[in-house]
Amino acid sequence: MSQAQGAPPREHVDETLEHPWPALWALVLGFFMLMVDTSILTVATPALITELNAGVNEAIWVTSAYLLAYAVPLLITGRLGDRYGPKRIYLSGLVVFTASSLWCGLSDDIGTLVAARAVQGVGAALMTPQTMAVITRIFPVARRGQAMALWGATAGAATLIGPVLGGFLVGTWGWEWIFFINVPVGVLAFVMAVRHIPDLATHPHRFDWIGVVLFGTGMFCLVFGLQEGQQYDWGRIDGPITVWRLIIAGVGLLALFIFWQSRNNTEPLLPLTLFRDRNFAVANIAITMVAFSFMTMGFPLMLYAQAVRGWSPLEAGLLMAPLALGSIVLARTVGGLTDRKHPRTLTAFGFSSAAIAVAGLALVLDADTPVWAAVISMVLLGIGSAFLWGPLSATANRNLPMHQAGAGAGIYNTTRQIGSTLGAAVSALVIDWRLRAYDLPASGGGESGLQAAEPIDPALAADYSAALGQALWAIPVAFVLGLVAVLFFERPRHFAAPPEKVDSVASR
């Protein structure tokens, strides 16, 4: 990869490594840790409600704060990696993430925990684009599918393993340990990264701070409005500020952000020219739907398992185990297919399987649903997810020029995190909406409410099951939208290139 014209190299150039896998495993460990933290709190929600005296919505804000602080900086942290070196930025983020994990575990009230999670999200935002950018730069294009499949499978498996691991830790030592566990893992990940991640060439970039403000403010207004709407009965929040005005302002600011990016002639935060590559554009739409769906699913399922069925946190987390196993077991097979098969075929199968799985679960979910029925749905969903995370990640950046690796990784991970953030907000909104429709308390409603990590009144189990099952229906809708999107994938360019030409692409 050539240095930007007129700019002296700041770091050693070591592109397309002969043995890139140690570097990949070092990246995967840190990436796995922060991705687990995206979903691990879903199973701990009842415990947080009880021990920190919070409501369901407040407990979900612990996740939303992390996701918002994660999503907003991603567009610029990818550029930071291009400018100062992905290894340097990755290590900085790892330090922030690990230290803030300790702060999270030491928190003794819901407000402190939300603040600590926000800082943790900033650390994750510094790390994530560097993992994808380094993979793009050290693996030749013909072998990048296997590497990206592992990276994508890590994201998928971690999102699903989170509830299982969280259930074990919450049930054994308490909710604090879902954060304390990150400290030794973070130290190990730091040592591995220092030893195995290479120094790569840097490129000068300007930073679009106007874009950062527009995007960050717009996302906060939109997510806050969606998540808090039911709490304020869609009316006034404070003075002249209403929920609907906040949501409209969020949408307007995001539209203004896109307009500004189209008019920024220097170096926009969101290079819209990258979306001229159809596969990049389609992959971003599709991963948004995937992330939205998996984040939306966790909260109602974990509340159902613990509050309605009376399962322990570990038992509730194990409900997701078949899903995680499907992603892990099929990761290598799908990785090999990703370099040879049309992405449309792989991802269409994944979206179809996932939509059928969740729709089936939503249809049968009640207070007496047999465990085997839920397991079958989770197995099918796991198979489908294996054909989504990896192939979408590999397809997104495969055709992009190397000097745009950081920007492309930042955009892709931003859209993924936007999906997760909106998923958490919509989950809180829909759960609250459906519980109110059945005249059921979401928190603070006496012994029958979801204010404690205890089973609810059996007389209300049928209504709670119906409400939480109905909250799942947003997921198959999102999967179908993703299915429609991936039908527009085109054949990757490297399929038509001779092997020697394909291998040379990574050096451009």
Protein backbone atom coordinates (compact mmCIF):
# COMPACT_ATOMS: atom_id res chain seq x y z
CA MET A 1 0.00 0.00 0.00
CA SER A 2 1.41 3.35 -0.99
CA GLN A 3 1.82 6.24 1.37
CA ALA A 4 -0.28 9.31 0.66
CA GLN A 5 1.59 11.58 -1.70
CA GLY A 6 3.90 14.05 0.02
CA ALA A 7 3.38 12.52 3.49
CA PRO A 8 6.32 10.75 5.10
CA PRO A 9 5.55 7.38 6.62
CA ARG A 10 5.02 7.48 10.35
CA GLU A 11 5.25 3.75 10.91
CA HIS A 12 6.78 0.65 9.45
CA VAL A 13 4.87 -0.72 6.46
CA ASP A 14 4.19 -4.45 6.78
CA GLU A 15 1.22 -5.21 4.57
CA THR A 16 -0.08 -8.63 3.47
CA LEU A 17 1.79 -10.73 6.03
CA GLU A 18 3.06 -14.18 5.14
CA HIS A 19 1.72 -15.48 8.47
CA PRO A 20 -1.15 -13.16 9.45
CA TRP A 21 -3.10 -15.54 11.67
CA PRO A 22 -1.35 -14.75 15.02
CA ALA A 23 -2.27 -11.09 14.48
CA LEU A 24 -5.84 -12.10 13.69
CA TRP A 25 -6.18 -14.16 16.87
CA ALA A 26 -4.82 -11.27 18.93
CA LEU A 27 -7.45 -8.97 17.41
CA VAL A 28 -10.21 -11.52 17.80
CA LEU A 29 -9.62 -11.87 21.55
CA GLY A 30 -10.10 -8.16 22.21
CA PHE A 31 -12.96 -7.89 19.74
CA PHE A 32 -14.69 -10.88 21.35
CA MET A 33 -14.48 -9.23 24.76
CA LEU A 34 -16.10 -5.98 23.71
CA MET A 35 -18.74 -7.71 21.59
CA VAL A 36 -19.72 -9.91 24.53
CA ASP A 37 -20.35 -6.71 26.49
CA THR A 38 -22.88 -5.68 23.85
CA SER A 39 -25.23 -8.48 24.90
CA ILE A 40 -24.07 -9.82 28.26
CA LEU A 41 -26.27 -7.44 30.23
CA THR A 42 -29.52 -8.77 28.78
CA VAL A 43 -29.52 -11.71 31.19
CA ALA A 44 -28.54 -9.45 34.10
CA THR A 45 -31.46 -7.05 33.60
CA PRO A 46 -33.65 -8.54 36.37
CA ALA A 47 -30.67 -8.51 38.79
CA LEU A 48 -29.95 -4.85 38.02
CA ILE A 49 -33.60 -4.00 38.55
CA THR A 50 -33.48 -5.61 41.99
CA GLU A 51 -30.04 -4.70 43.33
CA LEU A 52 -29.82 -1.16 41.96
CA ASN A 53 -33.51 -0.34 42.54
CA ALA A 54 -34.12 0.44 38.87
CA GLY A 55 -36.93 -0.03 36.39
CA VAL A 56 -36.80 -2.07 33.19
CA ASN A 57 -36.25 1.05 31.11
CA GLU A 58 -33.45 2.29 33.38
CA ALA A 59 -31.78 -1.11 33.24
CA ILE A 60 -31.94 -1.11 29.44
CA TRP A 61 -30.28 2.34 29.46
CA VAL A 62 -27.19 0.60 30.85
CA THR A 63 -26.95 -1.14 27.48
CA SER A 64 -28.15 1.84 25.43
CA ALA A 65 -25.52 4.16 26.93
CA TYR A 66 -22.82 1.69 25.92
CA LEU A 67 -24.22 1.31 22.41
CA LEU A 68 -24.62 5.06 21.87
CA ALA A 69 -21.10 5.86 23.08
CA TYR A 70 -19.90 2.97 20.92
CA ALA A 71 -21.72 4.01 17.75
CA VAL A 72 -21.18 7.77 17.65
CA PRO A 73 -17.33 7.90 17.53
CA LEU A 74 -16.93 4.98 15.12
CA LEU A 75 -16.90 7.14 12.00
CA ILE A 76 -13.92 9.08 13.31
CA THR A 77 -12.04 6.32 15.16
CA GLY A 78 -11.57 4.47 11.88
CA ARG A 79 -9.85 7.57 10.53
CA LEU A 80 -7.73 7.82 13.68
CA GLY A 81 -6.40 4.37 12.88
CA ASP A 82 -5.53 5.45 9.34
CA ARG A 83 -3.76 8.56 10.63
CA TYR A 84 -1.94 7.34 13.75
CA GLY A 85 -1.75 3.62 13.08
CA PRO A 86 -4.41 0.98 13.84
CA LYS A 87 -2.21 -0.80 16.39
CA ARG A 88 -1.72 2.36 18.45
CA ILE A 89 -5.42 3.27 18.47
CA TYR A 90 -6.46 -0.32 19.19
CA LEU A 91 -4.18 -0.50 22.24
CA SER A 92 -5.45 2.87 23.50
CA GLY A 93 -9.04 1.69 23.22
CA LEU A 94 -8.20 -1.58 24.96
CA VAL A 95 -6.81 0.33 27.96
CA VAL A 96 -9.91 2.55 28.17
CA PHE A 97 -12.25 -0.44 27.84
CA THR A 98 -10.48 -2.53 30.47
CA ALA A 99 -10.22 0.30 33.02
CA SER A 100 -13.87 1.29 32.58
CA SER A 101 -14.91 -2.35 33.00
CA LEU A 102 -13.44 -2.20 36.51
CA TRP A 103 -15.38 1.03 37.12
CA CYS A 104 -18.61 -0.65 35.96
CA GLY A 105 -18.14 -3.51 38.43
CA LEU A 106 -17.53 -1.10 41.30
CA SER A 107 -20.66 0.99 40.57
CA ASP A 108 -23.24 1.05 43.36
CA ASP A 109 -26.10 2.91 41.66
CA ILE A 110 -27.72 2.89 38.24
CA GLY A 111 -26.53 6.39 37.27
CA THR A 112 -22.87 5.58 37.93
CA LEU A 113 -23.17 2.33 36.01
CA VAL A 114 -24.69 4.13 33.00
CA ALA A 115 -21.82 6.65 33.03
CA ALA A 116 -19.18 3.92 33.29
CA ARG A 117 -20.79 2.01 30.45
CA ALA A 118 -20.65 5.12 28.27
CA VAL A 119 -16.88 5.36 28.82
CA GLN A 120 -16.60 1.66 28.09
CA GLY A 121 -18.40 2.28 24.80
CA VAL A 122 -15.80 4.90 23.81
CA GLY A 123 -13.05 2.32 24.38
CA ALA A 124 -14.92 -0.17 22.21
CA ALA A 125 -15.31 2.46 19.49
CA LEU A 126 -11.55 2.99 19.41
CA MET A 127 -10.90 -0.74 19.07
CA THR A 128 -13.48 -2.06 16.64
CA PRO A 129 -12.60 -0.35 13.32
CA GLN A 130 -8.94 -1.21 13.81
CA THR A 131 -9.70 -4.94 13.95
CA MET A 132 -11.50 -4.90 10.61
CA ALA A 133 -9.01 -2.52 8.99
CA VAL A 134 -5.97 -4.61 10.01
CA ILE A 135 -7.57 -7.77 8.63
CA THR A 136 -8.30 -5.98 5.36
CA ARG A 137 -4.68 -4.85 5.08
CA ILE A 138 -2.72 -7.97 6.14
CA PHE A 139 -4.73 -10.66 4.32
CA PRO A 140 -4.66 -10.93 0.51
CA VAL A 141 -8.07 -10.51 -1.03
CA ALA A 142 -8.36 -14.16 -2.09
CA ARG A 143 -7.95 -15.34 1.52
CA ARG A 144 -9.72 -12.48 3.21
CA GLY A 145 -13.06 -14.27 3.26
CA GLN A 146 -11.81 -16.86 5.76
CA ALA A 147 -10.36 -14.17 8.01
CA MET A 148 -13.45 -12.00 7.83
CA ALA A 149 -15.65 -15.05 8.40
CA LEU A 150 -13.80 -15.66 11.66
CA TRP A 151 -14.12 -11.97 12.57
CA GLY A 152 -17.81 -11.96 11.72
CA ALA A 153 -18.42 -15.26 13.48
CA THR A 154 -16.72 -13.79 16.54
CA ALA A 155 -19.20 -10.90 16.48
CA GLY A 156 -22.12 -13.25 16.05
CA ALA A 157 -20.99 -15.83 18.59
CA ALA A 158 -20.05 -13.20 21.17
CA THR A 159 -23.42 -11.51 20.83
CA LEU A 160 -25.02 -14.86 21.55
CA ILE A 161 -22.55 -16.23 24.09
CA GLY A 162 -22.96 -13.06 26.14
CA PRO A 163 -26.26 -14.14 27.73
CA VAL A 164 -24.89 -17.62 28.53
CA LEU A 165 -21.72 -16.27 30.13
CA GLY A 166 -23.69 -13.52 31.83
CA GLY A 167 -26.12 -16.05 33.26
CA PHE A 168 -23.28 -18.08 34.75
CA LEU A 169 -21.51 -15.06 36.26
CA VAL A 170 -24.69 -13.42 37.62
CA GLY A 171 -25.93 -16.68 39.09
CA THR A 172 -22.56 -17.59 40.62
CA TRP A 173 -20.95 -14.36 41.82
CA GLY A 174 -23.30 -11.49 40.98
CA TRP A 175 -23.82 -9.00 38.16
CA GLU A 176 -20.57 -7.16 38.97
CA TRP A 177 -18.54 -10.05 37.62
CA ILE A 178 -19.78 -9.60 34.08
CA PHE A 179 -17.47 -6.56 34.16
CA PHE A 180 -14.69 -7.75 36.45
CA ILE A 181 -14.02 -10.68 34.10
CA ASN A 182 -12.91 -8.19 31.45
CA VAL A 183 -9.90 -7.06 33.47
CA PRO A 184 -7.70 -10.20 33.15
CA VAL A 185 -8.95 -10.79 29.60
CA GLY A 186 -8.08 -7.20 28.70
CA VAL A 187 -4.56 -7.56 30.09
CA LEU A 188 -4.01 -10.76 28.09
CA ALA A 189 -5.41 -9.14 24.95
CA PHE A 190 -3.05 -6.18 25.40
CA VAL A 191 0.02 -8.45 25.67
CA MET A 192 -1.02 -10.44 22.59
CA ALA A 193 -1.69 -7.27 20.60
CA VAL A 194 1.69 -5.77 21.43
CA ARG A 195 3.44 -8.96 20.33
CA HIS A 196 1.52 -9.92 17.21
CA ILE A 197 -0.23 -6.94 15.60
CA PRO A 198 2.12 -5.31 13.05
CA ASP A 199 2.79 -1.61 12.59
CA LEU A 200 1.14 -0.49 9.38
CA ALA A 201 1.51 2.55 7.16
CA THR A 202 -0.37 5.69 8.17
CA HIS A 203 -2.19 8.24 6.05
CA PRO A 204 -2.96 11.89 6.85
CA HIS A 205 -6.62 12.71 7.43
CA ARG A 206 -8.66 15.74 8.35
CA PHE A 207 -11.43 15.32 10.87
CA ASP A 208 -14.97 16.49 10.22
CA TRP A 209 -15.98 17.74 13.66
CA ILE A 210 -19.18 19.33 12.33
CA GLY A 211 -20.19 15.90 11.10
CA VAL A 212 -19.39 14.36 14.48
CA VAL A 213 -21.64 16.86 16.30
CA LEU A 214 -24.54 16.46 13.84
CA PHE A 215 -24.36 12.67 13.89
CA GLY A 216 -23.91 12.32 17.65
CA THR A 217 -26.65 14.78 18.58
CA GLY A 218 -29.05 13.30 16.04
CA MET A 219 -28.49 9.74 17.26
CA PHE A 220 -28.96 10.73 20.90
CA CYS A 221 -32.22 12.59 20.20
CA LEU A 222 -33.61 9.71 18.15
CA VAL A 223 -32.65 6.94 20.59
CA PHE A 224 -33.70 8.88 23.70
CA GLY A 225 -37.04 9.74 22.13
CA LEU A 226 -37.77 6.17 21.07
CA GLN A 227 -36.69 4.57 24.32
CA GLU A 228 -38.31 7.10 26.67
CA GLY A 229 -41.48 7.74 24.67
CA GLN A 230 -43.73 5.44 26.68
CA GLN A 231 -42.31 6.73 29.98
CA TYR A 232 -43.53 10.22 29.11
CA ASP A 233 -46.73 9.01 27.39
CA TRP A 234 -45.29 10.54 24.20
CA GLY A 235 -45.83 13.96 25.73
CA ARG A 236 -43.64 16.58 27.41
CA ILE A 237 -40.22 15.76 28.77
CA ASP A 238 -39.29 19.20 30.11
CA GLY A 239 -40.88 22.54 29.26
CA PRO A 240 -41.46 22.86 25.50
CA ILE A 241 -39.52 19.68 24.72
CA THR A 242 -41.77 16.78 23.75
CA VAL A 243 -40.91 13.23 22.77
CA TRP A 244 -42.12 13.70 19.22
CA ARG A 245 -40.16 16.92 18.78
CA LEU A 246 -37.05 15.12 20.04
CA ILE A 247 -37.52 12.26 17.57
CA ILE A 248 -38.19 14.65 14.68
CA ALA A 249 -35.13 16.70 15.67
CA GLY A 250 -33.04 13.51 15.68
CA VAL A 251 -34.19 12.51 12.22
CA GLY A 252 -33.68 16.06 10.95
CA LEU A 253 -30.14 16.28 12.34
CA LEU A 254 -29.23 12.92 10.78
CA ALA A 255 -30.64 14.12 7.44
CA LEU A 256 -28.61 17.32 7.81
CA PHE A 257 -25.57 15.19 8.56
CA ILE A 258 -26.00 13.28 5.28
CA PHE A 259 -26.49 16.57 3.40
CA TRP A 260 -23.34 18.02 4.97
CA GLN A 261 -21.37 14.91 4.00
CA SER A 262 -22.48 15.33 0.39
CA ARG A 263 -21.31 18.96 0.38
CA ASN A 264 -18.06 18.55 2.32
CA ASN A 265 -15.38 18.85 -0.37
CA THR A 266 -12.39 18.30 1.94
CA GLU A 267 -12.64 14.98 3.75
CA PRO A 268 -16.13 14.05 4.93
CA LEU A 269 -16.66 11.90 7.99
CA LEU A 270 -18.84 9.60 5.92
CA PRO A 271 -17.34 9.25 2.41
CA LEU A 272 -20.54 8.74 0.43
CA THR A 273 -18.45 7.73 -2.59
CA LEU A 274 -17.79 4.39 -0.89
CA PHE A 275 -21.46 3.57 -1.32
CA ARG A 276 -20.98 3.56 -5.09
CA ASP A 277 -19.72 0.03 -4.53
CA ARG A 278 -23.03 -1.79 -4.47
CA ASN A 279 -21.82 -4.64 -2.27
CA PHE A 280 -20.54 -2.21 0.35
CA ALA A 281 -23.87 -0.37 0.39
CA VAL A 282 -25.95 -3.56 0.56
CA ALA A 283 -23.77 -5.09 3.28
CA ASN A 284 -24.24 -2.00 5.44
CA ILE A 285 -28.02 -2.18 5.13
CA ALA A 286 -28.00 -5.90 5.86
CA ILE A 287 -25.74 -5.77 8.93
CA THR A 288 -27.93 -3.02 10.38
CA MET A 289 -30.90 -5.38 10.21
CA VAL A 290 -28.88 -8.24 11.74
CA ALA A 291 -27.59 -6.16 14.66
CA PHE A 292 -31.04 -4.65 15.25
CA SER A 293 -32.62 -8.08 15.39
CA PHE A 294 -30.22 -9.73 17.79
CA MET A 295 -30.22 -6.78 20.17
CA THR A 296 -34.03 -6.57 20.10
CA MET A 297 -34.37 -10.28 20.87
CA GLY A 298 -32.30 -10.50 24.06
CA PHE A 299 -34.38 -8.41 26.46
CA PRO A 300 -37.83 -10.00 25.97
CA LEU A 301 -36.40 -13.52 25.93
CA MET A 302 -34.39 -13.04 29.12
CA LEU A 303 -37.32 -11.39 30.93
CA TYR A 304 -39.58 -14.22 29.77
CA ALA A 305 -37.15 -16.91 30.91
CA GLN A 306 -36.53 -15.45 34.36
CA ALA A 307 -39.76 -13.64 35.23
CA VAL A 308 -42.32 -15.91 33.57
CA ARG A 309 -40.63 -19.32 33.68
CA GLY A 310 -38.71 -18.71 36.89
CA TRP A 311 -35.39 -19.91 35.47
CA SER A 312 -32.09 -18.93 37.03
CA PRO A 313 -29.83 -16.48 35.15
CA LEU A 314 -27.67 -19.39 33.98
CA GLU A 315 -30.67 -21.39 32.78
CA ALA A 316 -31.99 -18.33 30.97
CA GLY A 317 -28.61 -17.75 29.33
CA LEU A 318 -28.44 -21.37 28.22
CA LEU A 319 -31.56 -20.74 26.16
CA MET A 320 -29.22 -18.93 23.76
CA ALA A 321 -26.58 -21.69 23.76
CA PRO A 322 -27.89 -23.55 20.66
CA LEU A 323 -27.80 -20.27 18.77
CA ALA A 324 -24.17 -19.64 19.70
CA LEU A 325 -23.14 -23.21 18.90
CA GLY A 326 -24.59 -22.93 15.41
CA SER A 327 -22.46 -19.87 14.69
CA ILE A 328 -19.30 -21.44 16.11
CA VAL A 329 -19.61 -24.88 14.53
CA LEU A 330 -20.37 -23.52 11.05
CA ALA A 331 -17.86 -20.65 11.12
CA ARG A 332 -15.04 -22.48 9.31
CA THR A 333 -17.32 -24.06 6.71
CA VAL A 334 -19.03 -20.77 5.93
CA GLY A 335 -15.65 -19.04 5.83
CA GLY A 336 -14.51 -21.33 3.04
CA LEU A 337 -17.75 -20.81 1.15
CA THR A 338 -17.44 -17.03 1.49
CA ASP A 339 -14.38 -16.95 -0.79
CA ARG A 340 -16.06 -19.14 -3.44
CA LYS A 341 -19.83 -18.64 -3.38
CA HIS A 342 -21.92 -15.64 -4.33
CA PRO A 343 -22.72 -13.59 -1.19
CA ARG A 344 -26.34 -13.32 -2.31
CA THR A 345 -26.78 -17.09 -1.99
CA LEU A 346 -25.19 -17.38 1.44
CA THR A 347 -26.85 -14.38 3.06
CA ALA A 348 -30.29 -15.00 1.55
CA PHE A 349 -30.22 -18.45 3.15
CA GLY A 350 -29.13 -16.89 6.45
CA PHE A 351 -31.86 -14.26 6.52
CA SER A 352 -34.56 -16.74 5.50
CA SER A 353 -33.58 -19.22 8.23
CA ALA A 354 -33.39 -16.51 10.87
CA ALA A 355 -36.78 -15.01 9.96
CA ILE A 356 -38.49 -18.40 10.08
CA ALA A 357 -36.85 -19.24 13.41
CA VAL A 358 -37.92 -16.10 15.26
CA ALA A 359 -41.41 -16.01 13.71
CA GLY A 360 -41.93 -19.59 14.84
CA LEU A 361 -40.78 -18.77 18.37
CA ALA A 362 -43.04 -15.72 18.56
CA LEU A 363 -46.01 -17.85 17.50
CA VAL A 364 -45.55 -20.55 20.16
CA LEU A 365 -44.28 -18.46 23.07
CA ASP A 366 -46.52 -18.74 26.12
CA ALA A 367 -46.20 -19.61 29.79
CA ASP A 368 -46.04 -23.35 29.03
CA THR A 369 -44.01 -23.43 25.80
CA PRO A 370 -41.99 -26.70 25.73
CA VAL A 371 -38.27 -26.13 26.04
CA TRP A 372 -37.64 -28.26 22.94
CA ALA A 373 -39.68 -25.84 20.81
CA ALA A 374 -37.53 -22.92 21.90
CA VAL A 375 -34.36 -24.96 21.35
CA ILE A 376 -35.37 -25.83 17.77
CA SER A 377 -35.94 -22.13 17.03
CA MET A 378 -32.57 -21.24 18.53
CA VAL A 379 -30.76 -23.93 16.51
CA LEU A 380 -32.31 -22.71 13.27
CA LEU A 381 -31.49 -19.12 14.20
CA GLY A 382 -27.89 -20.15 14.94
CA ILE A 383 -27.56 -21.76 11.52
CA GLY A 384 -28.93 -18.66 9.88
CA SER A 385 -26.66 -16.31 11.82
CA ALA A 386 -23.57 -18.28 10.71
CA PHE A 387 -24.44 -17.33 7.14
CA LEU A 388 -24.83 -13.64 8.00
CA TRP A 389 -22.08 -12.24 10.23
CA GLY A 390 -19.05 -13.56 8.37
CA PRO A 391 -20.22 -13.29 4.74
CA LEU A 392 -21.54 -9.75 5.27
CA SER A 393 -18.27 -8.63 6.87
CA ALA A 394 -16.17 -10.15 4.10
CA THR A 395 -18.32 -8.73 1.32
CA ALA A 396 -18.51 -5.20 2.75
CA ASN A 397 -14.86 -4.21 2.33
CA ARG A 398 -13.62 -6.70 -0.24
CA ASN A 399 -13.72 -4.26 -3.18
CA LEU A 400 -12.64 -1.09 -1.35
CA PRO A 401 -9.22 0.52 -1.96
CA MET A 402 -6.68 -0.10 0.79
CA HIS A 403 -6.26 3.56 1.77
CA GLN A 404 -9.98 3.57 2.62
CA ALA A 405 -9.80 0.47 4.82
CA GLY A 406 -10.19 2.47 8.04
CA ALA A 407 -13.03 4.59 6.70
CA GLY A 408 -14.83 1.53 5.33
CA ALA A 409 -14.42 -0.37 8.60
CA GLY A 410 -15.64 2.66 10.54
CA ILE A 411 -18.75 3.02 8.40
CA TYR A 412 -19.57 -0.69 8.49
CA ASN A 413 -19.19 -0.93 12.25
CA THR A 414 -21.13 2.32 12.70
CA THR A 415 -24.12 0.96 10.80
CA ARG A 416 -23.89 -2.26 12.81
CA GLN A 417 -23.87 -0.31 16.07
CA ILE A 418 -26.70 1.94 14.88
CA GLY A 419 -28.71 -1.23 14.37
CA SER A 420 -27.86 -2.46 17.88
CA THR A 421 -28.60 0.92 19.45
CA LEU A 422 -31.97 1.24 17.74
CA GLY A 423 -32.66 -2.40 18.60
CA ALA A 424 -32.19 -1.75 22.31
CA ALA A 425 -34.36 1.38 22.13
CA VAL A 426 -37.12 -0.34 20.15
CA SER A 427 -36.99 -3.34 22.50
CA ALA A 428 -37.59 -1.09 25.52
CA LEU A 429 -40.34 0.74 23.63
CA VAL A 430 -42.17 -2.38 22.44
CA ILE A 431 -41.90 -4.25 25.75
CA ASP A 432 -43.30 -1.26 27.65
CA TRP A 433 -46.01 -0.79 25.02
CA ARG A 434 -47.18 -4.40 25.11
CA LEU A 435 -47.09 -4.62 28.93
CA ARG A 436 -49.22 -1.47 29.13
CA ALA A 437 -51.60 -2.93 26.55
CA TYR A 438 -52.23 -5.83 28.97
CA ASP A 439 -52.37 -3.40 31.92
CA LEU A 440 -49.26 -4.99 33.39
CA PRO A 441 -46.55 -3.10 35.33
CA ALA A 442 -43.06 -2.98 33.84
CA SER A 443 -41.48 -1.94 37.14
CA GLY A 444 -42.36 -0.68 40.55
CA GLY A 445 -45.77 -2.25 40.25
CA GLY A 446 -45.89 -4.41 43.30
CA GLU A 447 -45.18 -8.09 43.61
CA SER A 448 -46.50 -8.85 40.15
CA GLY A 449 -44.26 -6.37 38.34
CA LEU A 450 -40.90 -6.96 36.68
CA GLN A 451 -39.15 -5.04 39.41
CA ALA A 452 -37.31 -8.03 40.83
CA ALA A 453 -35.32 -11.01 39.66
CA GLU A 454 -38.12 -13.28 40.92
CA PRO A 455 -40.94 -15.13 39.12
CA ILE A 456 -44.09 -13.09 38.64
CA ASP A 457 -47.54 -13.98 39.95
CA PRO A 458 -48.55 -17.18 38.08
CA ALA A 459 -51.98 -15.70 37.46
CA LEU A 460 -50.34 -13.07 35.23
CA ALA A 461 -47.92 -15.41 33.44
CA ALA A 462 -50.13 -15.85 30.37
CA ASP A 463 -50.47 -12.10 29.81
CA TYR A 464 -46.77 -11.46 30.38
CA SER A 465 -45.88 -14.25 27.94
CA ALA A 466 -48.22 -12.81 25.31
CA ALA A 467 -46.77 -9.31 25.72
CA LEU A 468 -43.15 -10.47 25.52
CA GLY A 469 -43.89 -12.81 22.61
CA GLN A 470 -45.49 -9.96 20.67
CA ALA A 471 -42.38 -7.88 21.32
CA LEU A 472 -40.44 -10.41 19.22
CA TRP A 473 -42.33 -9.67 16.01
CA ALA A 474 -40.16 -6.69 15.12
CA ILE A 475 -37.32 -9.16 14.53
CA PRO A 476 -38.63 -11.25 11.61
CA VAL A 477 -39.73 -8.00 9.96
CA ALA A 478 -36.15 -6.74 10.16
CA PHE A 479 -34.81 -10.05 8.85
CA VAL A 480 -37.12 -9.89 5.85
CA LEU A 481 -35.90 -6.36 5.09
CA GLY A 482 -32.35 -7.69 5.24
CA LEU A 483 -33.31 -10.51 2.87
CA VAL A 484 -34.67 -8.04 0.34
CA ALA A 485 -31.45 -6.01 0.58
CA VAL A 486 -29.02 -8.89 -0.04
CA LEU A 487 -30.86 -9.88 -3.22
CA PHE A 488 -29.06 -6.88 -4.75
CA PHE A 489 -25.57 -8.21 -4.07
CA GLU A 490 -23.45 -8.48 -7.23
CA ARG A 491 -20.70 -10.94 -8.02
CA PRO A 492 -17.45 -9.93 -6.20
CA ARG A 493 -14.74 -8.71 -8.53
CA HIS A 494 -12.09 -11.17 -7.43
CA PHE A 495 -14.22 -14.11 -8.64
CA ALA A 496 -13.40 -13.17 -12.23
CA ALA A 497 -9.70 -12.39 -11.67
CA PRO A 498 -6.88 -14.92 -12.24
CA PRO A 499 -5.17 -16.08 -8.98
CA GLU A 500 -1.98 -14.06 -9.51
CA LYS A 501 -3.98 -10.88 -10.08
CA VAL A 502 -6.17 -11.51 -7.05
CA ASP A 503 -3.14 -11.90 -4.80
CA SER A 504 -1.69 -8.64 -6.04
CA VAL A 505 -4.76 -6.60 -5.21
CA ALA A 506 -3.86 -6.35 -1.53
CA SER A 507 -0.62 -4.56 -2.32
CA ARG A 508 -2.32 -1.70 -4.12
